[in-house]
C-alpha atoms as a PDB file:
ATOM      1  CA  MET A   1       9.430 -66.599  -5.980  1.00  0.00           C
ATOM      2  CA  GLN A   2       8.214 -65.319  -2.783  1.00  0.00           C
ATOM      3  CA  GLU A   3       4.639 -66.419  -2.002  1.00  0.00           C
ATOM      4  CA  THR A   4       1.957 -63.774  -0.720  1.00  0.00           C
ATOM      5  CA  ASN A   5       0.322 -64.316   2.601  1.00  0.00           C
ATOM      6  CA  LEU A   6      -3.289 -63.873   1.536  1.00  0.00           C
ATOM      7  CA  SER A   7      -4.575 -63.973   5.074  1.00  0.00           C
ATOM      8  CA  VAL A   8      -2.956 -60.514   5.599  1.00  0.00           C
ATOM      9  CA  VAL A   9      -4.279 -58.782   2.529  1.00  0.00           C
ATOM     10  CA  PRO A  10      -7.384 -56.686   3.534  1.00  0.00           C
ATOM     11  CA  ALA A  11     -10.646 -57.163   1.744  1.00  0.00           C
ATOM     12  CA  GLN A  12     -12.150 -54.494  -0.377  1.00  0.00           C
ATOM     13  CA  ALA A  13     -14.205 -53.425   2.731  1.00  0.00           C
ATOM     14  CA  GLY A  14     -10.905 -53.319   4.754  1.00  0.00           C
ATOM     15  CA  ILE A  15      -9.228 -51.177   2.255  1.00  0.00           C
ATOM     16  CA  GLU A  16     -11.960 -48.563   2.134  1.00  0.00           C
ATOM     17  CA  GLU A  17     -11.688 -48.560   5.893  1.00  0.00           C
ATOM     18  CA  LEU A  18      -7.951 -47.937   5.623  1.00  0.00           C
ATOM     19  CA  ILE A  19      -8.684 -45.026   3.123  1.00  0.00           C
ATOM     20  CA  ALA A  20     -11.001 -43.373   5.189  1.00  0.00           C
ATOM     21  CA  GLN A  21      -8.686 -43.666   8.295  1.00  0.00           C
ATOM     22  CA  ALA A  22      -5.723 -42.308   6.161  1.00  0.00           C
ATOM     23  CA  LYS A  23      -7.828 -39.371   5.192  1.00  0.00           C
ATOM     24  CA  ALA A  24      -8.624 -38.749   8.946  1.00  0.00           C
ATOM     25  CA  PHE A  25      -4.896 -39.083   9.867  1.00  0.00           C
ATOM     26  CA  ALA A  26      -4.110 -36.512   7.114  1.00  0.00           C
ATOM     27  CA  GLU A  27      -6.811 -34.168   8.501  1.00  0.00           C
ATOM     28  CA  ALA A  28      -5.315 -34.626  11.978  1.00  0.00           C
ATOM     29  CA  ALA A  29      -1.761 -33.490  10.895  1.00  0.00           C
ATOM     30  CA  LYS A  30      -3.022 -29.924  11.633  1.00  0.00           C
ATOM     31  CA  ALA A  31      -4.421 -28.488  14.657  1.00  0.00           C
ATOM     32  CA  PRO A  32      -8.307 -27.787  14.486  1.00  0.00           C
ATOM     33  CA  ALA A  33      -7.672 -23.936  14.568  1.00  0.00           C
ATOM     34  CA  THR A  34      -5.358 -24.184  11.707  1.00  0.00           C
ATOM     35  CA  ARG A  35      -7.700 -26.343   9.655  1.00  0.00           C
ATOM     36  CA  ASN A  36     -10.523 -23.952  10.346  1.00  0.00           C
ATOM     37  CA  ALA A  37      -8.190 -20.821   9.327  1.00  0.00           C
ATOM     38  CA  TYR A  38      -7.279 -22.455   6.137  1.00  0.00           C
ATOM     39  CA  ALA A  39     -10.931 -23.315   5.279  1.00  0.00           C
ATOM     40  CA  SER A  40     -11.983 -19.801   5.774  1.00  0.00           C
ATOM     41  CA  ASP A  41      -8.847 -18.525   3.824  1.00  0.00           C
ATOM     42  CA  LEU A  42      -9.591 -20.776   0.907  1.00  0.00           C
ATOM     43  CA  SER A  43     -13.348 -19.742   0.844  1.00  0.00           C
ATOM     44  CA  ASP A  44     -12.275 -16.159   0.729  1.00  0.00           C
ATOM     45  CA  TYR A  45      -9.800 -16.668  -2.181  1.00  0.00           C
ATOM     46  CA  VAL A  46     -12.458 -18.762  -4.160  1.00  0.00           C
ATOM     47  CA  ASP A  47     -14.922 -15.901  -3.620  1.00  0.00           C
ATOM     48  CA  PHE A  48     -12.451 -13.307  -4.915  1.00  0.00           C
ATOM     49  CA  CYS A  49     -11.617 -15.464  -8.132  1.00  0.00           C
ATOM     50  CA  ALA A  50     -15.318 -15.791  -8.769  1.00  0.00           C
ATOM     51  CA  LYS A  51     -15.899 -11.940  -8.500  1.00  0.00           C
ATOM     52  CA  ILE A  52     -13.114 -11.211 -11.070  1.00  0.00           C
ATOM     53  CA  GLY A  53     -13.993 -14.069 -13.336  1.00  0.00           C
ATOM     54  CA  GLN A  54     -10.731 -15.853 -13.043  1.00  0.00           C
ATOM     55  CA  PRO A  55      -9.992 -19.638 -12.138  1.00  0.00           C
ATOM     56  CA  ALA A  56      -8.774 -20.170  -8.700  1.00  0.00           C
ATOM     57  CA  PHE A  57      -6.528 -22.849  -9.035  1.00  0.00           C
ATOM     58  CA  ALA A  58      -5.042 -22.474 -12.518  1.00  0.00           C
ATOM     59  CA  ALA A  59      -1.411 -23.047 -13.291  1.00  0.00           C
ATOM     60  CA  GLY A  60      -0.449 -19.484 -13.644  1.00  0.00           C
ATOM     61  CA  GLY A  61      -0.132 -17.012 -10.821  1.00  0.00           C
ATOM     62  CA  GLU A  62      -2.009 -14.142 -12.061  1.00  0.00           C
ATOM     63  CA  SER A  63      -5.092 -14.786  -9.973  1.00  0.00           C
ATOM     64  CA  LEU A  64      -3.021 -15.191  -6.870  1.00  0.00           C
ATOM     65  CA  ALA A  65      -1.010 -11.848  -7.493  1.00  0.00           C
ATOM     66  CA  LEU A  66      -4.126  -9.954  -7.879  1.00  0.00           C
ATOM     67  CA  TYR A  67      -5.533 -11.606  -4.583  1.00  0.00           C
ATOM     68  CA  ILE A  68      -2.697 -10.729  -2.507  1.00  0.00           C
ATOM     69  CA  THR A  69      -2.656  -7.139  -3.938  1.00  0.00           C
ATOM     70  CA  TYR A  70      -6.268  -7.142  -2.983  1.00  0.00           C
ATOM     71  CA  LEU A  71      -5.505  -8.078   0.606  1.00  0.00           C
ATOM     72  CA  ALA A  72      -2.842  -5.497   0.839  1.00  0.00           C
ATOM     73  CA  LYS A  73      -5.317  -2.756  -0.276  1.00  0.00           C
ATOM     74  CA  GLN A  74      -7.737  -4.015   2.284  1.00  0.00           C
ATOM     75  CA  GLY A  75      -5.064  -3.308   5.158  1.00  0.00           C
ATOM     76  CA  ARG A  76      -4.475  -6.982   5.741  1.00  0.00           C
ATOM     77  CA  LYS A  77      -1.243  -7.653   7.670  1.00  0.00           C
ATOM     78  CA  THR A  78       1.694  -9.496   5.983  1.00  0.00           C
ATOM     79  CA  THR A  79       1.297 -12.328   8.375  1.00  0.00           C
ATOM     80  CA  THR A  80      -2.213 -12.722   7.318  1.00  0.00           C
ATOM     81  CA  ILE A  81      -1.368 -12.753   3.674  1.00  0.00           C
ATOM     82  CA  ASP A  82       1.429 -15.363   4.279  1.00  0.00           C
ATOM     83  CA  ARG A  83      -1.122 -17.636   6.023  1.00  0.00           C
ATOM     84  CA  ARG A  84      -3.477 -17.351   3.024  1.00  0.00           C
ATOM     85  CA  LEU A  85      -0.702 -18.250   0.669  1.00  0.00           C
ATOM     86  CA  ALA A  86      -0.076 -21.356   2.819  1.00  0.00           C
ATOM     87  CA  ALA A  87      -3.456 -22.380   2.740  1.00  0.00           C
ATOM     88  CA  ILE A  88      -3.828 -21.970  -0.949  1.00  0.00           C
ATOM     89  CA  ALA A  89      -0.604 -23.834  -1.434  1.00  0.00           C
ATOM     90  CA  THR A  90      -1.735 -26.615   0.578  1.00  0.00           C
ATOM     91  CA  GLU A  91      -4.998 -26.927  -1.529  1.00  0.00           C
ATOM     92  CA  TYR A  92      -3.060 -27.006  -4.730  1.00  0.00           C
ATOM     93  CA  HIS A  93      -1.122 -29.947  -3.553  1.00  0.00           C
ATOM     94  CA  ALA A  94      -4.322 -31.643  -2.279  1.00  0.00           C
ATOM     95  CA  GLN A  95      -5.663 -31.269  -5.852  1.00  0.00           C
ATOM     96  CA  GLY A  96      -2.708 -33.136  -7.266  1.00  0.00           C
ATOM     97  CA  HIS A  97      -0.736 -30.249  -8.634  1.00  0.00           C
ATOM     98  CA  ARG A  98       3.037 -30.883  -8.221  1.00  0.00           C
ATOM     99  CA  GLU A  99       3.777 -27.066  -8.435  1.00  0.00           C
ATOM    100  CA  THR A 100       1.981 -24.324  -7.120  1.00  0.00           C
ATOM    101  CA  PRO A 101       1.985 -20.658  -8.179  1.00  0.00           C
ATOM    102  CA  VAL A 102       2.752 -19.309  -4.770  1.00  0.00           C
ATOM    103  CA  LYS A 103       6.464 -19.603  -5.395  1.00  0.00           C
ATOM    104  CA  SER A 104       6.304 -18.166  -8.843  1.00  0.00           C
ATOM    105  CA  PHE A 105       8.328 -15.114  -9.612  1.00  0.00           C
ATOM    106  CA  MET A 106       5.234 -13.005 -10.242  1.00  0.00           C
ATOM    107  CA  VAL A 107       3.586 -13.905  -6.869  1.00  0.00           C
ATOM    108  CA  GLN A 108       6.916 -13.560  -4.922  1.00  0.00           C
ATOM    109  CA  GLU A 109       7.767 -10.166  -6.462  1.00  0.00           C
ATOM    110  CA  VAL A 110       4.402  -8.863  -5.605  1.00  0.00           C
ATOM    111  CA  LEU A 111       4.736 -10.320  -2.031  1.00  0.00           C
ATOM    112  CA  ARG A 112       8.118  -8.617  -1.660  1.00  0.00           C
ATOM    113  CA  GLY A 113       6.660  -5.306  -2.801  1.00  0.00           C
ATOM    114  CA  ILE A 114       4.015  -5.621  -0.315  1.00  0.00           C
ATOM    115  CA  LYS A 115       6.318  -6.302   2.533  1.00  0.00           C
ATOM    116  CA  ARG A 116       8.569  -3.611   1.603  1.00  0.00           C
ATOM    117  CA  THR A 117       5.621  -1.193   1.317  1.00  0.00           C
ATOM    118  CA  ILE A 118       3.425  -1.905   4.421  1.00  0.00           C
ATOM    119  CA  GLY A 119       6.098  -3.678   6.630  1.00  0.00           C
ATOM    120  CA  THR A 120       6.388  -7.013   8.433  1.00  0.00           C
ATOM    121  CA  ALA A 121       6.250  -5.886  12.007  1.00  0.00           C
ATOM    122  CA  VAL A 122       3.919  -8.120  14.160  1.00  0.00           C
ATOM    123  CA  GLU A 123       1.652  -6.152  16.417  1.00  0.00           C
ATOM    124  CA  ARG A 124       2.638  -7.533  19.847  1.00  0.00           C
ATOM    125  CA  LYS A 125       0.090  -7.348  22.709  1.00  0.00           C
ATOM    126  CA  ASP A 126       1.345  -5.694  26.029  1.00  0.00           C
ATOM    127  CA  PRO A 127       2.385  -8.117  28.699  1.00  0.00           C
ATOM    128  CA  LEU A 128       0.562  -8.148  32.093  1.00  0.00           C
ATOM    129  CA  LEU A 129       3.371  -8.040  34.790  1.00  0.00           C
ATOM    130  CA  VAL A 130       3.022  -8.780  38.521  1.00  0.00           C
ATOM    131  CA  ASP A 131       1.579  -5.518  39.557  1.00  0.00           C
ATOM    132  CA  ASP A 132      -0.918  -5.591  36.839  1.00  0.00           C
ATOM    133  CA  VAL A 133      -1.984  -9.078  37.676  1.00  0.00           C
ATOM    134  CA  GLU A 134      -2.259  -8.014  41.431  1.00  0.00           C
ATOM    135  CA  ARG A 135      -4.420  -4.988  40.525  1.00  0.00           C
ATOM    136  CA  ILE A 136      -6.752  -7.275  38.436  1.00  0.00           C
ATOM    137  CA  VAL A 137      -7.037  -9.752  41.172  1.00  0.00           C
ATOM    138  CA  GLU A 138      -7.883  -7.143  43.650  1.00  0.00           C
ATOM    139  CA  ALA A 139     -10.582  -5.628  41.551  1.00  0.00           C
ATOM    140  CA  CYS A 140     -12.340  -9.027  41.002  1.00  0.00           C
ATOM    141  CA  PRO A 141     -15.685  -9.139  42.737  1.00  0.00           C
ATOM    142  CA  ASP A 142     -16.362 -11.817  45.434  1.00  0.00           C
ATOM    143  CA  ARG A 143     -19.178 -13.512  43.620  1.00  0.00           C
ATOM    144  CA  LEU A 144     -18.650 -16.441  41.260  1.00  0.00           C
ATOM    145  CA  ILE A 145     -17.649 -14.858  38.124  1.00  0.00           C
ATOM    146  CA  GLY A 146     -14.964 -12.907  40.174  1.00  0.00           C
ATOM    147  CA  LEU A 147     -13.603 -16.053  41.658  1.00  0.00           C
ATOM    148  CA  ARG A 148     -13.350 -17.508  38.088  1.00  0.00           C
ATOM    149  CA  ASP A 149     -11.489 -14.375  36.772  1.00  0.00           C
ATOM    150  CA  ARG A 150      -9.083 -14.301  39.757  1.00  0.00           C
ATOM    151  CA  ALA A 151      -8.192 -17.935  39.282  1.00  0.00           C
ATOM    152  CA  LEU A 152      -7.805 -17.500  35.404  1.00  0.00           C
ATOM    153  CA  ALA A 153      -5.642 -14.450  35.898  1.00  0.00           C
ATOM    154  CA  LEU A 154      -3.312 -16.077  38.617  1.00  0.00           C
ATOM    155  CA  PHE A 155      -3.004 -19.480  37.168  1.00  0.00           C
ATOM    156  CA  GLY A 156      -2.744 -18.474  33.761  1.00  0.00           C
ATOM    157  CA  PHE A 157       0.079 -16.199  34.743  1.00  0.00           C
ATOM    158  CA  ALA A 158       1.819 -18.784  36.803  1.00  0.00           C
ATOM    159  CA  LEU A 159       1.305 -21.428  34.223  1.00  0.00           C
ATOM    160  CA  ALA A 160       2.399 -19.057  31.406  1.00  0.00           C
ATOM    161  CA  GLY A 161       0.259 -20.919  29.124  1.00  0.00           C
ATOM    162  CA  ARG A 162      -1.393 -20.223  25.681  1.00  0.00           C
ATOM    163  CA  ARG A 163      -5.113 -19.518  25.669  1.00  0.00           C
ATOM    164  CA  ALA A 164      -5.840 -22.914  24.106  1.00  0.00           C
ATOM    165  CA  THR A 165      -3.679 -24.674  26.782  1.00  0.00           C
ATOM    166  CA  LEU A 166      -5.543 -22.798  29.505  1.00  0.00           C
ATOM    167  CA  ALA A 167      -8.898 -23.717  27.979  1.00  0.00           C
ATOM    168  CA  ALA A 168      -8.031 -27.270  27.603  1.00  0.00           C
ATOM    169  CA  VAL A 169      -6.979 -27.952  31.240  1.00  0.00           C
ATOM    170  CA  GLU A 170      -9.354 -30.244  33.061  1.00  0.00           C
ATOM    171  CA  VAL A 171      -9.412 -31.355  36.759  1.00  0.00           C
ATOM    172  CA  SER A 172      -7.849 -34.664  35.986  1.00  0.00           C
ATOM    173  CA  ASP A 173      -4.710 -32.738  34.782  1.00  0.00           C
ATOM    174  CA  LEU A 174      -4.110 -31.258  38.337  1.00  0.00           C
ATOM    175  CA  VAL A 175      -1.880 -33.472  40.682  1.00  0.00           C
ATOM    176  CA  LEU A 176      -0.932 -32.140  44.190  1.00  0.00           C
ATOM    177  CA  THR A 177       2.837 -32.694  44.639  1.00  0.00           C
ATOM    178  CA  SER A 178       3.891 -35.087  47.367  1.00  0.00           C
ATOM    179  CA  ASP A 179       5.869 -32.491  49.150  1.00  0.00           C
ATOM    180  CA  SER A 180       2.848 -30.019  48.877  1.00  0.00           C
ATOM    181  CA  GLU A 181       4.991 -27.348  47.311  1.00  0.00           C
ATOM    182  CA  GLY A 182       2.142 -26.736  44.696  1.00  0.00           C
ATOM    183  CA  ILE A 183       0.504 -28.594  41.665  1.00  0.00           C
ATOM    184  CA  VAL A 184       1.705 -30.243  38.698  1.00  0.00           C
ATOM    185  CA  VAL A 185      -0.426 -29.602  35.620  1.00  0.00           C
ATOM    186  CA  ASN A 186      -0.425 -32.217  32.878  1.00  0.00           C
ATOM    187  CA  ILE A 187      -0.452 -30.340  29.400  1.00  0.00           C
ATOM    188  CA  ARG A 188      -1.725 -32.894  27.193  1.00  0.00           C
ATOM    189  CA  ARG A 189      -1.232 -30.998  23.929  1.00  0.00           C
ATOM    190  CA  ASP A 190       0.210 -27.500  23.175  1.00  0.00           C
ATOM    191  CA  LYS A 191       1.082 -25.533  20.012  1.00  0.00           C
ATOM    192  CA  THR A 192       4.630 -26.926  20.204  1.00  0.00           C
ATOM    193  CA  ASP A 193       3.486 -30.486  20.902  1.00  0.00           C
ATOM    194  CA  GLN A 194       1.184 -31.419  18.236  1.00  0.00           C
ATOM    195  CA  GLU A 195       2.101 -35.118  18.585  1.00  0.00           C
ATOM    196  CA  GLN A 196       0.601 -35.106  22.054  1.00  0.00           C
ATOM    197  CA  ALA A 197       3.701 -36.244  23.994  1.00  0.00           C
ATOM    198  CA  GLY A 198       2.530 -34.277  26.899  1.00  0.00           C
ATOM    199  CA  ARG A 199       4.582 -32.301  29.519  1.00  0.00           C
ATOM    200  CA  GLN A 200       4.259 -31.498  33.216  1.00  0.00           C
ATOM    201  CA  VAL A 201       4.239 -27.876  34.304  1.00  0.00           C
ATOM    202  CA  PRO A 202       4.764 -27.119  38.141  1.00  0.00           C
ATOM    203  CA  VAL A 203       2.626 -24.338  39.661  1.00  0.00           C
ATOM    204  CA  ALA A 204       3.938 -23.366  43.161  1.00  0.00           C
ATOM    205  CA  PHE A 205       2.123 -22.057  46.045  1.00  0.00           C
ATOM    206  CA  GLY A 206       2.091 -18.302  46.315  1.00  0.00           C
ATOM    207  CA  SER A 207       3.837 -16.424  49.179  1.00  0.00           C
ATOM    208  CA  ARG A 208       0.731 -14.653  49.934  1.00  0.00           C
ATOM    209  CA  PRO A 209      -2.885 -16.084  50.163  1.00  0.00           C
ATOM    210  CA  GLU A 210      -4.553 -13.473  48.196  1.00  0.00           C
ATOM    211  CA  THR A 211      -2.452 -13.975  45.162  1.00  0.00           C
ATOM    212  CA  CYS A 212      -1.557 -17.559  45.523  1.00  0.00           C
ATOM    213  CA  PRO A 213      -2.560 -19.360  42.118  1.00  0.00           C
ATOM    214  CA  VAL A 214      -3.166 -22.779  43.684  1.00  0.00           C
ATOM    215  CA  ARG A 215      -5.476 -21.380  46.387  1.00  0.00           C
ATOM    216  CA  ALA A 216      -7.363 -19.305  43.930  1.00  0.00           C
ATOM    217  CA  LEU A 217      -7.941 -22.404  41.734  1.00  0.00           C
ATOM    218  CA  ALA A 218      -9.013 -24.471  44.522  1.00  0.00           C
ATOM    219  CA  ILE A 219     -11.526 -21.671  45.717  1.00  0.00           C
ATOM    220  CA  TRP A 220     -13.082 -21.354  42.256  1.00  0.00           C
ATOM    221  CA  LEU A 221     -13.377 -25.188  41.702  1.00  0.00           C
ATOM    222  CA  LYS A 222     -15.153 -25.601  45.114  1.00  0.00           C
ATOM    223  CA  ALA A 223     -17.562 -22.478  44.717  1.00  0.00           C
ATOM    224  CA  ALA A 224     -18.461 -23.722  41.093  1.00  0.00           C
ATOM    225  CA  ASN A 225     -18.738 -27.282  42.364  1.00  0.00           C
ATOM    226  CA  ILE A 226     -16.372 -28.587  39.607  1.00  0.00           C
ATOM    227  CA  SER A 227     -14.931 -31.912  40.518  1.00  0.00           C
ATOM    228  CA  ALA A 228     -14.265 -33.215  36.847  1.00  0.00           C
ATOM    229  CA  GLY A 229     -13.960 -31.843  33.357  1.00  0.00           C
ATOM    230  CA  PRO A 230     -12.861 -28.573  32.276  1.00  0.00           C
ATOM    231  CA  VAL A 231     -11.475 -26.413  34.906  1.00  0.00           C
ATOM    232  CA  PHE A 232     -12.451 -22.915  33.370  1.00  0.00           C
ATOM    233  CA  ARG A 233     -15.967 -22.418  32.128  1.00  0.00           C
ATOM    234  CA  ALA A 234     -18.359 -19.633  31.309  1.00  0.00           C
ATOM    235  CA  VAL A 235     -20.605 -18.286  34.038  1.00  0.00           C
ATOM    236  CA  ASP A 236     -23.850 -16.525  33.075  1.00  0.00           C
ATOM    237  CA  ARG A 237     -25.464 -13.389  34.847  1.00  0.00           C
ATOM    238  CA  HIS A 238     -27.361 -15.673  36.976  1.00  0.00           C
ATOM    239  CA  GLY A 239     -24.359 -17.465  38.333  1.00  0.00           C
ATOM    240  CA  ASN A 240     -24.950 -20.750  36.378  1.00  0.00           C
ATOM    241  CA  VAL A 241     -21.662 -22.405  35.517  1.00  0.00           C
ATOM    242  CA  SER A 242     -21.469 -24.025  32.024  1.00  0.00           C
ATOM    243  CA  VAL A 243     -20.434 -27.882  31.678  1.00  0.00           C
ATOM    244  CA  HIS A 244     -18.195 -26.719  28.594  1.00  0.00           C
ATOM    245  CA  ALA A 245     -14.700 -25.274  28.584  1.00  0.00           C
ATOM    246  CA  LEU A 246     -14.140 -21.816  27.812  1.00  0.00           C
ATOM    247  CA  GLU A 247     -13.343 -20.939  24.073  1.00  0.00           C
ATOM    248  CA  PRO A 248      -9.788 -19.895  23.793  1.00  0.00           C
ATOM    249  CA  GLY A 249     -10.920 -16.676  22.070  1.00  0.00           C
ATOM    250  CA  SER A 250     -13.204 -15.847  25.222  1.00  0.00           C
ATOM    251  CA  ILE A 251     -10.249 -15.780  27.567  1.00  0.00           C
ATOM    252  CA  ALA A 252      -8.929 -12.732  26.077  1.00  0.00           C
ATOM    253  CA  ARG A 253     -12.247 -10.930  26.390  1.00  0.00           C
ATOM    254  CA  ILE A 254     -12.332 -12.036  30.085  1.00  0.00           C
ATOM    255  CA  ILE A 255      -8.766 -10.670  30.777  1.00  0.00           C
ATOM    256  CA  LYS A 256      -9.655  -7.332  29.077  1.00  0.00           C
ATOM    257  CA  LYS A 257     -12.856  -7.001  31.151  1.00  0.00           C
ATOM    258  CA  ALA A 258     -10.874  -7.788  34.263  1.00  0.00           C
ATOM    259  CA  ALA A 259      -8.290  -5.511  33.298  1.00  0.00           C
ATOM    260  CA  ARG A 260     -10.914  -2.579  32.742  1.00  0.00           C
ATOM    261  CA  ARG A 261     -12.430  -3.461  36.149  1.00  0.00           C
ATOM    262  CA  SER A 262      -9.127  -2.713  37.710  1.00  0.00           C
ATOM    263  CA  GLY A 263      -9.030   0.652  36.551  1.00  0.00           C
ATOM    264  CA  MET A 264      -6.817   0.275  33.283  1.00  0.00           C
ATOM    265  CA  THR A 265      -7.643   2.880  30.708  1.00  0.00           C
ATOM    266  CA  GLU A 266      -9.287   1.897  27.328  1.00  0.00           C
ATOM    267  CA  SER A 267      -5.956   2.576  25.638  1.00  0.00           C
ATOM    268  CA  GLU A 268      -4.223   0.198  27.936  1.00  0.00           C
ATOM    269  CA  VAL A 269      -7.030  -2.349  27.729  1.00  0.00           C
ATOM    270  CA  ALA A 270      -6.805  -2.157  23.845  1.00  0.00           C
ATOM    271  CA  LYS A 271      -3.212  -3.287  24.011  1.00  0.00           C
ATOM    272  CA  LEU A 272      -4.067  -6.350  25.989  1.00  0.00           C
ATOM    273  CA  GLY A 273      -5.087  -9.910  24.615  1.00  0.00           C
ATOM    274  CA  GLY A 274      -5.034 -13.628  25.554  1.00  0.00           C
ATOM    275  CA  HIS A 275      -1.345 -13.662  25.191  1.00  0.00           C
ATOM    276  CA  SER A 276      -0.748 -11.040  27.775  1.00  0.00           C
ATOM    277  CA  LEU A 277      -0.530 -13.374  30.705  1.00  0.00           C
ATOM    278  CA  ARG A 278       1.952 -15.637  29.032  1.00  0.00           C
ATOM    279  CA  ALA A 279       4.121 -12.589  27.818  1.00  0.00           C
ATOM    280  CA  GLY A 280       3.769 -11.235  31.242  1.00  0.00           C
ATOM    281  CA  ALA A 281       5.022 -14.360  32.918  1.00  0.00           C
ATOM    282  CA  ALA A 282       8.131 -14.644  30.753  1.00  0.00           C
ATOM    283  CA  THR A 283       8.884 -10.874  31.029  1.00  0.00           C
ATOM    284  CA  SER A 284       8.556 -10.821  34.859  1.00  0.00           C
ATOM    285  CA  ALA A 285      10.734 -13.932  34.962  1.00  0.00           C
ATOM    286  CA  ALA A 286      13.492 -12.136  32.927  1.00  0.00           C
ATOM    287  CA  ILE A 287      13.160  -9.017  35.132  1.00  0.00           C
ATOM    288  CA  SER A 288      13.637 -11.197  38.181  1.00  0.00           C
ATOM    289  CA  GLY A 289      16.927 -12.569  36.655  1.00  0.00           C
ATOM    290  CA  ALA A 290      15.732 -15.987  35.478  1.00  0.00           C
ATOM    291  CA  SER A 291      17.939 -17.439  32.703  1.00  0.00           C
ATOM    292  CA  GLU A 292      16.913 -17.976  29.267  1.00  0.00           C
ATOM    293  CA  ARG A 293      16.788 -21.786  29.939  1.00  0.00           C
ATOM    294  CA  GLU A 294      14.759 -21.444  33.027  1.00  0.00           C
ATOM    295  CA  ILE A 295      12.186 -19.448  31.066  1.00  0.00           C
ATOM    296  CA  ALA A 296      12.118 -21.698  28.191  1.00  0.00           C
ATOM    297  CA  ALA A 297      11.542 -24.701  30.412  1.00  0.00           C
ATOM    298  CA  ILE A 298       8.157 -23.409  31.430  1.00  0.00           C
ATOM    299  CA  THR A 299       7.025 -21.484  28.271  1.00  0.00           C
ATOM    300  CA  LEU A 300       8.643 -23.812  25.732  1.00  0.00           C
ATOM    301  CA  HIS A 301       9.391 -20.728  23.781  1.00  0.00           C
ATOM    302  CA  ARG A 302      12.090 -20.844  21.163  1.00  0.00           C
ATOM    303  CA  SER A 303      15.487 -19.267  22.326  1.00  0.00           C
ATOM    304  CA  SER A 304      14.864 -16.328  19.915  1.00  0.00           C
ATOM    305  CA  GLU A 305      11.516 -15.600  21.744  1.00  0.00           C
ATOM    306  CA  VAL A 306      12.972 -15.898  25.070  1.00  0.00           C
ATOM    307  CA  ARG A 307      15.754 -13.626  24.332  1.00  0.00           C
ATOM    308  CA  ARG A 308      13.090 -11.029  23.139  1.00  0.00           C
ATOM    309  CA  TYR A 309      11.351 -10.992  26.548  1.00  0.00           C
ATOM    310  CA  ILE A 310      14.938 -10.870  28.164  1.00  0.00           C
ATOM    311  CA  ARG A 311      15.743  -7.815  25.847  1.00  0.00           C
ATOM    312  CA  ASP A 312      12.534  -6.092  26.777  1.00  0.00           C
ATOM    313  CA  ALA A 313      12.976  -6.700  30.361  1.00  0.00           C
ATOM    314  CA  ASN A 314      16.400  -5.078  30.200  1.00  0.00           C
ATOM    315  CA  LEU A 315      15.612  -2.398  27.811  1.00  0.00           C
ATOM    316  CA  PHE A 316      15.729   0.604  30.228  1.00  0.00           C
ATOM    317  CA  ARG A 317      18.065  -1.041  32.665  1.00  0.00           C
ATOM    318  CA  ALA A 318      20.674  -1.378  29.987  1.00  0.00           C
ATOM    319  CA  SER A 319      19.900   1.844  28.245  1.00  0.00           C
ATOM    320  CA  ALA A 320      22.657   4.406  27.670  1.00  0.00           C
ATOM    321  CA  ALA A 321      19.919   7.189  28.062  1.00  0.00           C
ATOM    322  CA  LYS A 322      20.135   6.632  31.710  1.00  0.00           C
ATOM    323  CA  GLN A 323      23.839   7.885  31.399  1.00  0.00           C
ATOM    324  CA  LEU A 324      22.827  11.162  29.870  1.00  0.00           C
ATOM    325  CA  GLY A 325      22.259  12.974  33.320  1.00  0.00           C
ATOM    326  CA  LEU A 326      18.879  14.450  32.323  1.00  0.00           C
END
């Protein structure tokens, strides 16, 4: 009979500590933004069930089928409905249910009907291409907020990063290369790197001083007196720089405001978002003839996503309409 080494068995207090740590690790399995979105989704579902007088987490799928029907009538996109269902399924499992009604015949039939009726196309934001970024940069004022916007546009374009990635960059993540060709940015966490393995992305010096992302970044950091901490921060109307990083959502508003300042129409600005710099970098690289592998090495897009940018870049170049002679 094997003896138990009592010295390695945790005491009751130690077990409680392990339980608390296990719960913390379980919560960390999803990104903060995902957890917040799920919490909001669940709250909305529970409120709906309360209003119709039905239990939220019963075994049947009646309440859930009514809920997604309600979402569809409210004009919600199918991507939003899918996310709501994912949040609800997660909560069912968290409550100890082995099966969830999300995959039930009733719910899935209603979902299929919704998707056939309102479609599944995702509204994509327009990319900001090289000419667009140059216009934005040229229109940035020479005061502090303009230096921040210029650096954000050029650096964000060169990095091809997501909004959250740009917001998370700190001064300590920037390393000048030994051959002075540019800087290497240490991306500590990204949407596709939730385990924080990290990756390094090069940002080269530009061919022209006025559009060089490295130079623009250095000018902004010096003017804002930032030597440590977040690179991109809010600037108030008095020129005071926050100590906190920009929220990812505010990056889209800054880009839209800068685009409006450059002379873009309201209809053009409405089609832009925080993803426009990243999409523009990938599309511009495809227009310049970069390969699928070269684009993916920087953006970490999946192959199917990279091919979409290449397809968009070649849409008119390869179009048979050019051969019609009109």
